Amino acid sequence: NFLRRDSEAGQKCCTFQHWVYEKTNGNLLVTDLQGVGMKLTDVG
């Protein structure tokens, strides 16, 4: 979300997506990251 991309949680969520993408050789992506602070739920 462009409104949240500068937050620490937002940046770490992007890094998590990148980490999963790299570790699975581009076969899997965790998306729809949302929640309160660093606690996330209802992901895709």
ModelCIF file with pLDDT and N, C-alpha, C, O atoms, coordinates in Angstrom:
data_MODEL
#
_entry.id   MODEL 
#
_entity.id                         1 
_entity.type                       polymer 
_entity.pdbx_number_of_molecules   1 
#
_entity_poly.entity_id                      1 
_entity_poly.type                           'polypeptide(L)' 
_entity_poly.nstd_linkage                   no 
_entity_poly.nstd_monomer                   no 
_entity_poly.pdbx_seq_one_letter_code       NFLRRDSEAGQKCCTFQHWVYEKTNGNLLVTDLQGVGMKLTDVG 
_entity_poly.pdbx_seq_one_letter_code_can   NFLRRDSEAGQKCCTFQHWVYEKTNGNLLVTDLQGVGMKLTDVG 
_entity_poly.pdbx_strand_id                 A 
#
loop_
_entity_poly_seq.entity_id 
_entity_poly_seq.num 
_entity_poly_seq.mon_id 
_entity_poly_seq.hetero 
1 1  ASN n 
1 2  PHE n 
1 3  LEU n 
1 4  ARG n 
1 5  ARG n 
1 6  ASP n 
1 7  SER n 
1 8  GLU n 
1 9  ALA n 
1 10 GLY n 
1 11 GLN n 
1 12 LYS n 
1 13 CYS n 
1 14 CYS n 
1 15 THR n 
1 16 PHE n 
1 17 GLN n 
1 18 HIS n 
1 19 TRP n 
1 20 VAL n 
1 21 TYR n 
1 22 GLU n 
1 23 LYS n 
1 24 THR n 
1 25 ASN n 
1 26 GLY n 
1 27 ASN n 
1 28 LEU n 
1 29 LEU n 
1 30 VAL n 
1 31 THR n 
1 32 ASP n 
1 33 LEU n 
1 34 GLN n 
1 35 GLY n 
1 36 VAL n 
1 37 GLY n 
1 38 MET n 
1 39 LYS n 
1 40 LEU n 
1 41 THR n 
1 42 ASP n 
1 43 VAL n 
1 44 GLY n 
#
_struct_asym.id          A 
_struct_asym.entity_id   1 
#
loop_
_ma_qa_metric.id 
_ma_qa_metric.mode 
_ma_qa_metric.name 
_ma_qa_metric.software_group_id 
_ma_qa_metric.type 
1 global pLDDT . pLDDT 
2 local  pLDDT . pLDDT 
#
_ma_qa_metric_global.metric_id      1 
_ma_qa_metric_global.metric_value   88.66 
_ma_qa_metric_global.model_id       1 
_ma_qa_metric_global.ordinal_id     1 
#
loop_
_ma_qa_metric_local.label_asym_id 
_ma_qa_metric_local.label_comp_id 
_ma_qa_metric_local.label_seq_id 
_ma_qa_metric_local.metric_id 
_ma_qa_metric_local.metric_value 
_ma_qa_metric_local.model_id 
_ma_qa_metric_local.ordinal_id 
A ASN 1  2 55.00 1 1  
A PHE 2  2 54.00 1 2  
A LEU 3  2 51.00 1 3  
A ARG 4  2 61.00 1 4  
A ARG 5  2 66.00 1 5  
A ASP 6  2 72.00 1 6  
A SER 7  2 87.00 1 7  
A GLU 8  2 92.00 1 8  
A ALA 9  2 92.00 1 9  
A GLY 10 2 90.00 1 10 
A GLN 11 2 92.00 1 11 
A LYS 12 2 94.00 1 12 
A CYS 13 2 93.00 1 13 
A CYS 14 2 91.00 1 14 
A THR 15 2 94.00 1 15 
A PHE 16 2 95.00 1 16 
A GLN 17 2 94.00 1 17 
A HIS 18 2 95.00 1 18 
A TRP 19 2 97.00 1 19 
A VAL 20 2 96.00 1 20 
A TYR 21 2 95.00 1 21 
A GLU 22 2 96.00 1 22 
A LYS 23 2 96.00 1 23 
A THR 24 2 94.00 1 24 
A ASN 25 2 93.00 1 25 
A GLY 26 2 93.00 1 26 
A ASN 27 2 92.00 1 27 
A LEU 28 2 93.00 1 28 
A LEU 29 2 94.00 1 29 
A VAL 30 2 94.00 1 30 
A THR 31 2 90.00 1 31 
A ASP 32 2 90.00 1 32 
A LEU 33 2 92.00 1 33 
A GLN 34 2 92.00 1 34 
A GLY 35 2 94.00 1 35 
A VAL 36 2 94.00 1 36 
A GLY 37 2 92.00 1 37 
A MET 38 2 94.00 1 38 
A LYS 39 2 96.00 1 39 
A LEU 40 2 96.00 1 40 
A THR 41 2 94.00 1 41 
A ASP 42 2 91.00 1 42 
A VAL 43 2 93.00 1 43 
A GLY 44 2 92.00 1 44 
#
loop_
_atom_site.group_PDB 
_atom_site.id 
_atom_site.type_symbol 
_atom_site.label_atom_id 
_atom_site.label_alt_id 
_atom_site.label_comp_id 
_atom_site.label_asym_id 
_atom_site.label_entity_id 
_atom_site.label_seq_id 
_atom_site.pdbx_PDB_ins_code 
_atom_site.Cartn_x 
_atom_site.Cartn_y 
_atom_site.Cartn_z 
_atom_site.occupancy 
_atom_site.B_iso_or_equiv 
_atom_site.pdbx_formal_charge 
_atom_site.auth_seq_id 
_atom_site.auth_comp_id 
_atom_site.auth_asym_id 
_atom_site.auth_atom_id 
_atom_site.pdbx_PDB_model_num 
ATOM 1   N N  . ASN A 1 1  ? 0.858  -1.183  0.000  1.00 55.00 ? 1  ASN A N  1 
ATOM 2   C CA . ASN A 1 1  ? 0.000  0.000   0.000  1.00 55.00 ? 1  ASN A CA 1 
ATOM 3   C C  . ASN A 1 1  ? 0.902  1.244   0.000  1.00 55.00 ? 1  ASN A C  1 
ATOM 4   O O  . ASN A 1 1  ? 1.744  1.402   0.884  1.00 55.00 ? 1  ASN A O  1 
ATOM 5   N N  . PHE A 1 2  ? 0.724  2.110   -0.980 1.00 54.00 ? 2  PHE A N  1 
ATOM 6   C CA . PHE A 1 2  ? 1.603  3.267   -1.113 1.00 54.00 ? 2  PHE A CA 1 
ATOM 7   C C  . PHE A 1 2  ? 1.581  4.163   0.124  1.00 54.00 ? 2  PHE A C  1 
ATOM 8   O O  . PHE A 1 2  ? 2.569  4.841   0.406  1.00 54.00 ? 2  PHE A O  1 
ATOM 9   N N  . LEU A 1 3  ? 0.479  4.176   0.860  1.00 51.00 ? 3  LEU A N  1 
ATOM 10  C CA . LEU A 1 3  ? 0.402  4.989   2.064  1.00 51.00 ? 3  LEU A CA 1 
ATOM 11  C C  . LEU A 1 3  ? 1.218  4.398   3.209  1.00 51.00 ? 3  LEU A C  1 
ATOM 12  O O  . LEU A 1 3  ? 1.532  5.096   4.173  1.00 51.00 ? 3  LEU A O  1 
ATOM 13  N N  . ARG A 1 4  ? 1.566  3.103   3.107  1.00 61.00 ? 4  ARG A N  1 
ATOM 14  C CA . ARG A 1 4  ? 2.247  2.419   4.205  1.00 61.00 ? 4  ARG A CA 1 
ATOM 15  C C  . ARG A 1 4  ? 3.640  1.929   3.830  1.00 61.00 ? 4  ARG A C  1 
ATOM 16  O O  . ARG A 1 4  ? 4.301  1.298   4.655  1.00 61.00 ? 4  ARG A O  1 
ATOM 17  N N  . ARG A 1 5  ? 4.098  2.193   2.637  1.00 66.00 ? 5  ARG A N  1 
ATOM 18  C CA . ARG A 1 5  ? 5.358  1.587   2.191  1.00 66.00 ? 5  ARG A CA 1 
ATOM 19  C C  . ARG A 1 5  ? 6.577  2.092   2.957  1.00 66.00 ? 5  ARG A C  1 
ATOM 20  O O  . ARG A 1 5  ? 7.624  1.444   2.944  1.00 66.00 ? 5  ARG A O  1 
ATOM 21  N N  . ASP A 1 6  ? 6.457  3.233   3.618  1.00 72.00 ? 6  ASP A N  1 
ATOM 22  C CA . ASP A 1 6  ? 7.589  3.754   4.374  1.00 72.00 ? 6  ASP A CA 1 
ATOM 23  C C  . ASP A 1 6  ? 7.598  3.298   5.827  1.00 72.00 ? 6  ASP A C  1 
ATOM 24  O O  . ASP A 1 6  ? 8.537  3.610   6.560  1.00 72.00 ? 6  ASP A O  1 
ATOM 25  N N  . SER A 1 7  ? 6.576  2.569   6.260  1.00 87.00 ? 7  SER A N  1 
ATOM 26  C CA . SER A 1 7  ? 6.549  2.090   7.642  1.00 87.00 ? 7  SER A CA 1 
ATOM 27  C C  . SER A 1 7  ? 7.488  0.895   7.789  1.00 87.00 ? 7  SER A C  1 
ATOM 28  O O  . SER A 1 7  ? 7.764  0.185   6.822  1.00 87.00 ? 7  SER A O  1 
ATOM 29  N N  . GLU A 1 8  ? 7.969  0.689   8.996  1.00 92.00 ? 8  GLU A N  1 
ATOM 30  C CA . GLU A 1 8  ? 8.856  -0.438  9.254  1.00 92.00 ? 8  GLU A CA 1 
ATOM 31  C C  . GLU A 1 8  ? 8.144  -1.760  8.951  1.00 92.00 ? 8  GLU A C  1 
ATOM 32  O O  . GLU A 1 8  ? 8.705  -2.642  8.302  1.00 92.00 ? 8  GLU A O  1 
ATOM 33  N N  . ALA A 1 9  ? 6.901  -1.885  9.429  1.00 92.00 ? 9  ALA A N  1 
ATOM 34  C CA . ALA A 1 9  ? 6.148  -3.122  9.183  1.00 92.00 ? 9  ALA A CA 1 
ATOM 35  C C  . ALA A 1 9  ? 5.934  -3.334  7.689  1.00 92.00 ? 9  ALA A C  1 
ATOM 36  O O  . ALA A 1 9  ? 6.076  -4.454  7.197  1.00 92.00 ? 9  ALA A O  1 
ATOM 37  N N  . GLY A 1 10 ? 5.591  -2.265  6.958  1.00 90.00 ? 10 GLY A N  1 
ATOM 38  C CA . GLY A 1 10 ? 5.382  -2.370  5.517  1.00 90.00 ? 10 GLY A CA 1 
ATOM 39  C C  . GLY A 1 10 ? 6.634  -2.812  4.786  1.00 90.00 ? 10 GLY A C  1 
ATOM 40  O O  . GLY A 1 10 ? 6.567  -3.659  3.895  1.00 90.00 ? 10 GLY A O  1 
ATOM 41  N N  . GLN A 1 11 ? 7.777  -2.246  5.154  1.00 92.00 ? 11 GLN A N  1 
ATOM 42  C CA . GLN A 1 11 ? 9.038  -2.614  4.524  1.00 92.00 ? 11 GLN A CA 1 
ATOM 43  C C  . GLN A 1 11 ? 9.404  -4.068  4.828  1.00 92.00 ? 11 GLN A C  1 
ATOM 44  O O  . GLN A 1 11 ? 9.882  -4.793  3.955  1.00 92.00 ? 11 GLN A O  1 
ATOM 45  N N  . LYS A 1 12 ? 9.174  -4.482  6.068  1.00 94.00 ? 12 LYS A N  1 
ATOM 46  C CA . LYS A 1 12 ? 9.504  -5.855  6.445  1.00 94.00 ? 12 LYS A CA 1 
ATOM 47  C C  . LYS A 1 12 ? 8.555  -6.862  5.798  1.00 94.00 ? 12 LYS A C  1 
ATOM 48  O O  . LYS A 1 12 ? 8.944  -7.999  5.530  1.00 94.00 ? 12 LYS A O  1 
ATOM 49  N N  . CYS A 1 13 ? 7.321  -6.450  5.549  1.00 93.00 ? 13 CYS A N  1 
ATOM 50  C CA . CYS A 1 13 ? 6.393  -7.313  4.814  1.00 93.00 ? 13 CYS A CA 1 
ATOM 51  C C  . CYS A 1 13 ? 6.870  -7.503  3.378  1.00 93.00 ? 13 CYS A C  1 
ATOM 52  O O  . CYS A 1 13 ? 6.818  -8.613  2.848  1.00 93.00 ? 13 CYS A O  1 
ATOM 53  N N  . CYS A 1 14 ? 7.337  -6.421  2.746  1.00 91.00 ? 14 CYS A N  1 
ATOM 54  C CA . CYS A 1 14 ? 7.883  -6.519  1.386  1.00 91.00 ? 14 CYS A CA 1 
ATOM 55  C C  . CYS A 1 14 ? 9.099  -7.440  1.362  1.00 91.00 ? 14 CYS A C  1 
ATOM 56  O O  . CYS A 1 14 ? 9.262  -8.240  0.441  1.00 91.00 ? 14 CYS A O  1 
ATOM 57  N N  . THR A 1 15 ? 9.950  -7.321  2.377  1.00 94.00 ? 15 THR A N  1 
ATOM 58  C CA . THR A 1 15 ? 11.130 -8.170  2.447  1.00 94.00 ? 15 THR A CA 1 
ATOM 59  C C  . THR A 1 15 ? 10.733 -9.630  2.642  1.00 94.00 ? 15 THR A C  1 
ATOM 60  O O  . THR A 1 15 ? 11.343 -10.526 2.058  1.00 94.00 ? 15 THR A O  1 
ATOM 61  N N  . PHE A 1 16 ? 9.713  -9.870  3.461  1.00 95.00 ? 16 PHE A N  1 
ATOM 62  C CA . PHE A 1 16 ? 9.215  -11.233 3.657  1.00 95.00 ? 16 PHE A CA 1 
ATOM 63  C C  . PHE A 1 16 ? 8.742  -11.817 2.325  1.00 95.00 ? 16 PHE A C  1 
ATOM 64  O O  . PHE A 1 16 ? 9.057  -12.962 2.001  1.00 95.00 ? 16 PHE A O  1 
ATOM 65  N N  . GLN A 1 17 ? 7.982  -11.026 1.549  1.00 94.00 ? 17 GLN A N  1 
ATOM 66  C CA . GLN A 1 17 ? 7.532  -11.491 0.245  1.00 94.00 ? 17 GLN A CA 1 
ATOM 67  C C  . GLN A 1 17 ? 8.729  -11.846 -0.648 1.00 94.00 ? 17 GLN A C  1 
ATOM 68  O O  . GLN A 1 17 ? 8.737  -12.885 -1.307 1.00 94.00 ? 17 GLN A O  1 
ATOM 69  N N  . HIS A 1 18 ? 9.729  -10.976 -0.659 1.00 95.00 ? 18 HIS A N  1 
ATOM 70  C CA . HIS A 1 18 ? 10.918 -11.191 -1.483 1.00 95.00 ? 18 HIS A CA 1 
ATOM 71  C C  . HIS A 1 18 ? 11.656 -12.448 -1.007 1.00 95.00 ? 18 HIS A C  1 
ATOM 72  O O  . HIS A 1 18 ? 12.105 -13.251 -1.825 1.00 95.00 ? 18 HIS A O  1 
ATOM 73  N N  . TRP A 1 19 ? 11.781 -12.617 0.304  1.00 97.00 ? 19 TRP A N  1 
ATOM 74  C CA . TRP A 1 19 ? 12.468 -13.771 0.870  1.00 97.00 ? 19 TRP A CA 1 
ATOM 75  C C  . TRP A 1 19 ? 11.784 -15.072 0.448  1.00 97.00 ? 19 TRP A C  1 
ATOM 76  O O  . TRP A 1 19 ? 12.448 -16.009 0.004  1.00 97.00 ? 19 TRP A O  1 
ATOM 77  N N  . VAL A 1 20 ? 10.442 -15.131 0.586  1.00 96.00 ? 20 VAL A N  1 
ATOM 78  C CA . VAL A 1 20 ? 9.695  -16.341 0.198  1.00 96.00 ? 20 VAL A CA 1 
ATOM 79  C C  . VAL A 1 20 ? 9.849  -16.596 -1.299 1.00 96.00 ? 20 VAL A C  1 
ATOM 80  O O  . VAL A 1 20 ? 10.067 -17.729 -1.726 1.00 96.00 ? 20 VAL A O  1 
ATOM 81  N N  . TYR A 1 21 ? 9.733  -15.530 -2.087 1.00 95.00 ? 21 TYR A N  1 
ATOM 82  C CA . TYR A 1 21 ? 9.872  -15.656 -3.544 1.00 95.00 ? 21 TYR A CA 1 
ATOM 83  C C  . TYR A 1 21 ? 11.234 -16.267 -3.902 1.00 95.00 ? 21 TYR A C  1 
ATOM 84  O O  . TYR A 1 21 ? 11.318 -17.175 -4.729 1.00 95.00 ? 21 TYR A O  1 
ATOM 85  N N  . GLU A 1 22 ? 12.294 -15.758 -3.267 1.00 96.00 ? 22 GLU A N  1 
ATOM 86  C CA . GLU A 1 22 ? 13.641 -16.250 -3.570 1.00 96.00 ? 22 GLU A CA 1 
ATOM 87  C C  . GLU A 1 22 ? 13.842 -17.679 -3.068 1.00 96.00 ? 22 GLU A C  1 
ATOM 88  O O  . GLU A 1 22 ? 14.408 -18.512 -3.776 1.00 96.00 ? 22 GLU A O  1 
ATOM 89  N N  . LYS A 1 23 ? 13.380 -17.966 -1.845 1.00 96.00 ? 23 LYS A N  1 
ATOM 90  C CA . LYS A 1 23 ? 13.584 -19.298 -1.265 1.00 96.00 ? 23 LYS A CA 1 
ATOM 91  C C  . LYS A 1 23 ? 12.821 -20.384 -2.018 1.00 96.00 ? 23 LYS A C  1 
ATOM 92  O O  . LYS A 1 23 ? 13.216 -21.550 -1.988 1.00 96.00 ? 23 LYS A O  1 
ATOM 93  N N  . THR A 1 24 ? 11.735 -20.016 -2.690 1.00 94.00 ? 24 THR A N  1 
ATOM 94  C CA . THR A 1 24 ? 10.947 -21.001 -3.444 1.00 94.00 ? 24 THR A CA 1 
ATOM 95  C C  . THR A 1 24 ? 11.240 -20.918 -4.941 1.00 94.00 ? 24 THR A C  1 
ATOM 96  O O  . THR A 1 24 ? 10.480 -21.438 -5.758 1.00 94.00 ? 24 THR A O  1 
ATOM 97  N N  . ASN A 1 25 ? 12.347 -20.263 -5.293 1.00 93.00 ? 25 ASN A N  1 
ATOM 98  C CA . ASN A 1 25 ? 12.751 -20.125 -6.705 1.00 93.00 ? 25 ASN A CA 1 
ATOM 99  C C  . ASN A 1 25 ? 11.659 -19.514 -7.581 1.00 93.00 ? 25 ASN A C  1 
ATOM 100 O O  . ASN A 1 25 ? 11.481 -19.903 -8.735 1.00 93.00 ? 25 ASN A O  1 
ATOM 101 N N  . GLY A 1 26 ? 10.922 -18.539 -7.004 1.00 93.00 ? 26 GLY A N  1 
ATOM 102 C CA . GLY A 1 26 ? 9.897  -17.835 -7.766 1.00 93.00 ? 26 GLY A CA 1 
ATOM 103 C C  . GLY A 1 26 ? 8.604  -18.603 -7.946 1.00 93.00 ? 26 GLY A C  1 
ATOM 104 O O  . GLY A 1 26 ? 7.770  -18.223 -8.768 1.00 93.00 ? 26 GLY A O  1 
ATOM 105 N N  . ASN A 1 27 ? 8.422  -19.679 -7.192 1.00 92.00 ? 27 ASN A N  1 
ATOM 106 C CA . ASN A 1 27 ? 7.228  -20.522 -7.337 1.00 92.00 ? 27 ASN A CA 1 
ATOM 107 C C  . ASN A 1 27 ? 6.092  -20.142 -6.397 1.00 92.00 ? 27 ASN A C  1 
ATOM 108 O O  . ASN A 1 27 ? 4.956  -20.566 -6.608 1.00 92.00 ? 27 ASN A O  1 
ATOM 109 N N  . LEU A 1 28 ? 6.375  -19.350 -5.363 1.00 93.00 ? 28 LEU A N  1 
ATOM 110 C CA . LEU A 1 28 ? 5.357  -19.061 -4.360 1.00 93.00 ? 28 LEU A CA 1 
ATOM 111 C C  . LEU A 1 28 ? 5.526  -17.636 -3.850 1.00 93.00 ? 28 LEU A C  1 
ATOM 112 O O  . LEU A 1 28 ? 6.646  -17.140 -3.725 1.00 93.00 ? 28 LEU A O  1 
ATOM 113 N N  . LEU A 1 29 ? 4.406  -16.985 -3.556 1.00 94.00 ? 29 LEU A N  1 
ATOM 114 C CA . LEU A 1 29 ? 4.417  -15.620 -3.020 1.00 94.00 ? 29 LEU A CA 1 
ATOM 115 C C  . LEU A 1 29 ? 3.328  -15.487 -1.964 1.00 94.00 ? 29 LEU A C  1 
ATOM 116 O O  . LEU A 1 29 ? 2.170  -15.816 -2.220 1.00 94.00 ? 29 LEU A O  1 
ATOM 117 N N  . VAL A 1 30 ? 3.693  -15.008 -0.779 1.00 94.00 ? 30 VAL A N  1 
ATOM 118 C CA . VAL A 1 30 ? 2.694  -14.683 0.246  1.00 94.00 ? 30 VAL A CA 1 
ATOM 119 C C  . VAL A 1 30 ? 2.234  -13.264 -0.028 1.00 94.00 ? 30 VAL A C  1 
ATOM 120 O O  . VAL A 1 30 ? 3.055  -12.354 -0.146 1.00 94.00 ? 30 VAL A O  1 
ATOM 121 N N  . THR A 1 31 ? 0.937  -13.069 -0.129 1.00 90.00 ? 31 THR A N  1 
ATOM 122 C CA . THR A 1 31 ? 0.405  -11.756 -0.483 1.00 90.00 ? 31 THR A CA 1 
ATOM 123 C C  . THR A 1 31 ? -0.766 -11.399 0.430  1.00 90.00 ? 31 THR A C  1 
ATOM 124 O O  . THR A 1 31 ? -1.098 -12.150 1.348  1.00 90.00 ? 31 THR A O  1 
ATOM 125 N N  . ASP A 1 32 ? -1.380 -10.261 0.175  1.00 90.00 ? 32 ASP A N  1 
ATOM 126 C CA . ASP A 1 32 ? -2.491 -9.777  0.994  1.00 90.00 ? 32 ASP A CA 1 
ATOM 127 C C  . ASP A 1 32 ? -2.083 -9.668  2.460  1.00 90.00 ? 32 ASP A C  1 
ATOM 128 O O  . ASP A 1 32 ? -2.828 -10.076 3.351  1.00 90.00 ? 32 ASP A O  1 
ATOM 129 N N  . LEU A 1 33 ? -0.889 -9.113  2.706  1.00 92.00 ? 33 LEU A N  1 
ATOM 130 C CA . LEU A 1 33 ? -0.385 -8.981  4.067  1.00 92.00 ? 33 LEU A CA 1 
ATOM 131 C C  . LEU A 1 33 ? -1.079 -7.822  4.772  1.00 92.00 ? 33 LEU A C  1 
ATOM 132 O O  . LEU A 1 33 ? -1.068 -6.690  4.289  1.00 92.00 ? 33 LEU A O  1 
ATOM 133 N N  . GLN A 1 34 ? -1.681 -8.119  5.912  1.00 92.00 ? 34 GLN A N  1 
ATOM 134 C CA . GLN A 1 34 ? -2.460 -7.126  6.639  1.00 92.00 ? 34 GLN A CA 1 
ATOM 135 C C  . GLN A 1 34 ? -2.546 -7.502  8.105  1.00 92.00 ? 34 GLN A C  1 
ATOM 136 O O  . GLN A 1 34 ? -2.447 -8.674  8.466  1.00 92.00 ? 34 GLN A O  1 
ATOM 137 N N  . GLY A 1 35 ? -2.731 -6.497  8.942  1.00 94.00 ? 35 GLY A N  1 
ATOM 138 C CA . GLY A 1 35 ? -2.851 -6.775  10.360 1.00 94.00 ? 35 GLY A CA 1 
ATOM 139 C C  . GLY A 1 35 ? -2.627 -5.539  11.199 1.00 94.00 ? 35 GLY A C  1 
ATOM 140 O O  . GLY A 1 35 ? -2.798 -4.413  10.732 1.00 94.00 ? 35 GLY A O  1 
ATOM 141 N N  . VAL A 1 36 ? -2.238 -5.762  12.453 1.00 94.00 ? 36 VAL A N  1 
ATOM 142 C CA . VAL A 1 36 ? -1.983 -4.690  13.404 1.00 94.00 ? 36 VAL A CA 1 
ATOM 143 C C  . VAL A 1 36 ? -0.521 -4.757  13.795 1.00 94.00 ? 36 VAL A C  1 
ATOM 144 O O  . VAL A 1 36 ? -0.074 -5.741  14.384 1.00 94.00 ? 36 VAL A O  1 
ATOM 145 N N  . GLY A 1 37 ? 0.226  -3.710  13.467 1.00 92.00 ? 37 GLY A N  1 
ATOM 146 C CA . GLY A 1 37 ? 1.656  -3.718  13.745 1.00 92.00 ? 37 GLY A CA 1 
ATOM 147 C C  . GLY A 1 37 ? 2.325  -4.864  13.018 1.00 92.00 ? 37 GLY A C  1 
ATOM 148 O O  . GLY A 1 37 ? 2.167  -5.018  11.807 1.00 92.00 ? 37 GLY A O  1 
ATOM 149 N N  . MET A 1 38 ? 3.075  -5.673  13.761 1.00 94.00 ? 38 MET A N  1 
ATOM 150 C CA . MET A 1 38 ? 3.806  -6.797  13.170 1.00 94.00 ? 38 MET A CA 1 
ATOM 151 C C  . MET A 1 38 ? 3.010  -8.099  13.193 1.00 94.00 ? 38 MET A C  1 
ATOM 152 O O  . MET A 1 38 ? 3.516  -9.138  12.768 1.00 94.00 ? 38 MET A O  1 
ATOM 153 N N  . LYS A 1 39 ? 1.775  -8.055  13.682 1.00 96.00 ? 39 LYS A N  1 
ATOM 154 C CA . LYS A 1 39 ? 0.941  -9.263  13.699 1.00 96.00 ? 39 LYS A CA 1 
ATOM 155 C C  . LYS A 1 39 ? 0.015  -9.253  12.496 1.00 96.00 ? 39 LYS A C  1 
ATOM 156 O O  . LYS A 1 39 ? -0.779 -8.329  12.322 1.00 96.00 ? 39 LYS A O  1 
ATOM 157 N N  . LEU A 1 40 ? 0.118  -10.287 11.664 1.00 96.00 ? 40 LEU A N  1 
ATOM 158 C CA . LEU A 1 40 ? -0.600 -10.346 10.395 1.00 96.00 ? 40 LEU A CA 1 
ATOM 159 C C  . LEU A 1 40 ? -1.626 -11.468 10.395 1.00 96.00 ? 40 LEU A C  1 
ATOM 160 O O  . LEU A 1 40 ? -1.468 -12.478 11.082 1.00 96.00 ? 40 LEU A O  1 
ATOM 161 N N  . THR A 1 41 ? -2.700 -11.268 9.598  1.00 94.00 ? 41 THR A N  1 
ATOM 162 C CA . THR A 1 41 ? -3.744 -12.278 9.485  1.00 94.00 ? 41 THR A CA 1 
ATOM 163 C C  . THR A 1 41 ? -4.398 -12.210 8.112  1.00 94.00 ? 41 THR A C  1 
ATOM 164 O O  . THR A 1 41 ? -4.191 -11.261 7.356  1.00 94.00 ? 41 THR A O  1 
ATOM 165 N N  . ASP A 1 42 ? -5.189 -13.226 7.804  1.00 91.00 ? 42 ASP A N  1 
ATOM 166 C CA . ASP A 1 42 ? -5.994 -13.262 6.572  1.00 91.00 ? 42 ASP A CA 1 
ATOM 167 C C  . ASP A 1 42 ? -5.140 -13.056 5.323  1.00 91.00 ? 42 ASP A C  1 
ATOM 168 O O  . ASP A 1 42 ? -5.520 -12.309 4.422  1.00 91.00 ? 42 ASP A O  1 
ATOM 169 N N  . VAL A 1 43 ? -3.992 -13.718 5.273  1.00 93.00 ? 43 VAL A N  1 
ATOM 170 C CA . VAL A 1 43 ? -3.076 -13.572 4.148  1.00 93.00 ? 43 VAL A CA 1 
ATOM 171 C C  . VAL A 1 43 ? -3.493 -14.481 2.996  1.00 93.00 ? 43 VAL A C  1 
ATOM 172 O O  . VAL A 1 43 ? -4.332 -15.367 3.158  1.00 93.00 ? 43 VAL A O  1 
ATOM 173 N N  . GLY A 1 44 ? -2.897 -14.247 1.840  1.00 92.00 ? 44 GLY A N  1 
ATOM 174 C CA . GLY A 1 44 ? -3.119 -15.107 0.684  1.00 92.00 ? 44 GLY A CA 1 
ATOM 175 C C  . GLY A 1 44 ? -1.798 -15.677 0.207  1.00 92.00 ? 44 GLY A C  1 
ATOM 176 O O  . GLY A 1 44 ? -1.767 -16.432 -0.765 1.00 92.00 ? 44 GLY A O  1 
#
